Each structure stands twice: as C-alpha cells, then as structure tokens.
Amino acid sequence: MIKLEVDFFEDLYLKAKLSFDKCISNPDNNYLKDEIDVQIDEIILMEDFIRVQFFQRKLDKFVIEVKLQLISKDNRLIGSYFYYEDEKNTPLDDSLIFN
C-alpha cells in the first residue's frame, strides 16, 4: 500500500535525480552532450510531477512515474527526464527527452 507522506514524494524525487545523474555520467551516454547547447553538468532539475498508474483493478500492482524538467542556467526548458519504479520500489526504466 502506498502511504502518501511528504517523505514519500521527497524520496521519489531524490531517486529520480540520482537516476538522472547516473544516466548522464554513464560513458555509454557521452553522445548526449552533443544533443544540447548547454553543459550537461549545468542542467537544473526541477520537480514536475509524480503519477501512479494502477493495472486493472489491482491496488497492489502499479507503476510510479516521476517527471523532472531540465532547465538551463538562463531559465530555458531544455527537456524532461522520467523515472519509473514498481510497487516494490524496484526501478523499471527511465527516459531522457531533449526539446
């Protein structure tokens, strides 16, 4: 069961931010630096939303989606980062989209 408390949201946003850092620091993803016109390590992460998607009518089976907005130092929206985990707090996937 999900217990909706401030710590729950803070923990999810922290996991998403750590996952983003892991994604951009992965040597296999070095090509990402060529896709945007800002330094990747200067991206500001802004918390956007957390969404829970249930499967059918099963309250014990769900996916949590956390969205971060990627903001440049000059306050431009340059993309989004999505982090997904299941009801057991197991990371499932992530997605990085540049505008």
Protein backbone atom coordinates (compact mmCIF):
# COMPACT_ATOMS: atom_id res chain seq x y z
CA MET A 1 0.00 0.00 0.00
CA ILE A 2 1.19 3.49 -0.81
CA LYS A 3 1.46 5.81 2.13
CA LEU A 4 1.27 9.37 0.86
CA GLU A 5 3.51 11.45 3.07
CA VAL A 6 6.00 14.20 2.34
CA ASP A 7 8.89 11.74 2.72
CA PHE A 8 7.34 9.52 0.04
CA PHE A 9 7.49 12.36 -2.51
CA GLU A 10 10.93 13.54 -1.43
CA ASP A 11 12.32 10.01 -1.73
CA LEU A 12 10.89 9.56 -5.22
CA TYR A 13 12.24 12.89 -6.46
CA LEU A 14 15.64 12.05 -4.95
CA LYS A 15 15.66 8.65 -6.70
CA ALA A 16 14.79 10.35 -10.00
CA LYS A 17 17.57 12.92 -9.58
CA LEU A 18 20.13 10.23 -8.72
CA SER A 19 18.98 8.18 -11.69
CA PHE A 20 19.39 11.23 -13.97
CA ASP A 21 22.94 11.77 -12.66
CA LYS A 22 23.73 8.11 -13.28
CA CYS A 23 22.30 8.35 -16.79
CA ILE A 24 24.31 11.39 -17.86
CA SER A 25 27.53 10.15 -16.25
CA ASN A 26 27.35 6.75 -17.97
CA PRO A 27 30.18 6.62 -20.56
CA ASP A 28 27.81 4.87 -22.99
CA ASN A 29 25.72 8.06 -23.00
CA ASN A 30 28.51 10.50 -23.88
CA TYR A 31 26.66 11.30 -27.11
CA LEU A 32 24.05 13.17 -25.04
CA LYS A 33 26.44 16.09 -24.67
CA ASP A 34 26.19 16.67 -28.42
CA GLU A 35 22.39 16.85 -28.39
CA ILE A 36 22.03 20.07 -26.38
CA ASP A 37 23.62 23.51 -26.41
CA VAL A 38 24.34 23.67 -22.66
CA GLN A 39 26.83 21.90 -20.43
CA ILE A 40 25.19 18.72 -19.17
CA ASP A 41 26.55 19.26 -15.66
CA GLU A 42 24.90 22.72 -15.55
CA ILE A 43 21.36 21.41 -16.04
CA ILE A 44 18.99 22.38 -13.25
CA LEU A 45 16.49 19.68 -12.28
CA MET A 46 13.01 20.95 -11.41
CA GLU A 47 10.48 18.63 -9.83
CA ASP A 48 7.38 18.41 -12.02
CA PHE A 49 5.01 15.58 -11.07
CA ILE A 50 4.57 12.09 -9.66
CA ARG A 51 1.94 9.84 -11.20
CA VAL A 52 0.75 6.40 -10.08
CA GLN A 53 -0.74 4.07 -12.69
CA PHE A 54 -2.66 1.05 -11.45
CA PHE A 55 -3.17 -2.10 -13.51
CA GLN A 56 -6.79 -3.08 -13.98
CA ARG A 57 -8.42 -3.01 -10.54
CA LYS A 58 -5.47 -4.37 -8.63
CA LEU A 59 -4.42 -1.94 -5.94
CA ASP A 60 -1.27 -3.92 -5.22
CA LYS A 61 0.12 -3.70 -8.80
CA PHE A 62 1.20 -0.28 -10.05
CA VAL A 63 3.94 1.82 -11.65
CA ILE A 64 5.12 5.16 -10.32
CA GLU A 65 6.26 7.77 -12.85
CA VAL A 66 8.36 10.73 -11.71
CA LYS A 67 8.95 13.64 -14.08
CA LEU A 68 11.74 16.19 -13.78
CA GLN A 69 12.02 19.24 -16.00
CA LEU A 70 15.50 20.07 -17.29
CA ILE A 71 16.21 23.79 -17.10
CA SER A 72 19.23 25.72 -18.43
CA LYS A 73 21.04 28.37 -16.39
CA ASP A 74 19.26 31.05 -18.44
CA ASN A 75 15.91 29.54 -17.37
CA ARG A 76 15.00 27.75 -20.63
CA LEU A 77 13.19 24.42 -20.61
CA ILE A 78 15.58 22.11 -22.45
CA GLY A 79 13.95 18.75 -21.79
CA SER A 80 12.38 16.23 -19.45
CA TYR A 81 13.54 13.20 -17.52
CA PHE A 82 11.21 10.38 -16.48
CA TYR A 83 11.94 7.76 -13.84
CA TYR A 84 9.76 4.68 -13.32
CA GLU A 85 9.55 2.17 -10.50
CA ASP A 86 7.09 -0.52 -9.47
CA GLU A 87 5.10 -1.15 -6.31
CA LYS A 88 8.13 -2.88 -4.77
CA ASN A 89 10.29 0.23 -5.24
CA THR A 90 12.22 -1.55 -8.00
CA PRO A 91 13.49 0.79 -10.74
CA LEU A 92 11.97 -0.21 -14.07
CA ASP A 93 13.06 2.32 -16.65
CA ASP A 94 13.95 5.91 -17.38
CA SER A 95 13.63 8.26 -20.31
CA LEU A 96 15.54 11.42 -21.23
CA ILE A 97 13.99 13.75 -23.80
CA PHE A 98 15.60 16.96 -25.03
CA ASN A 99 13.45 19.66 -26.65
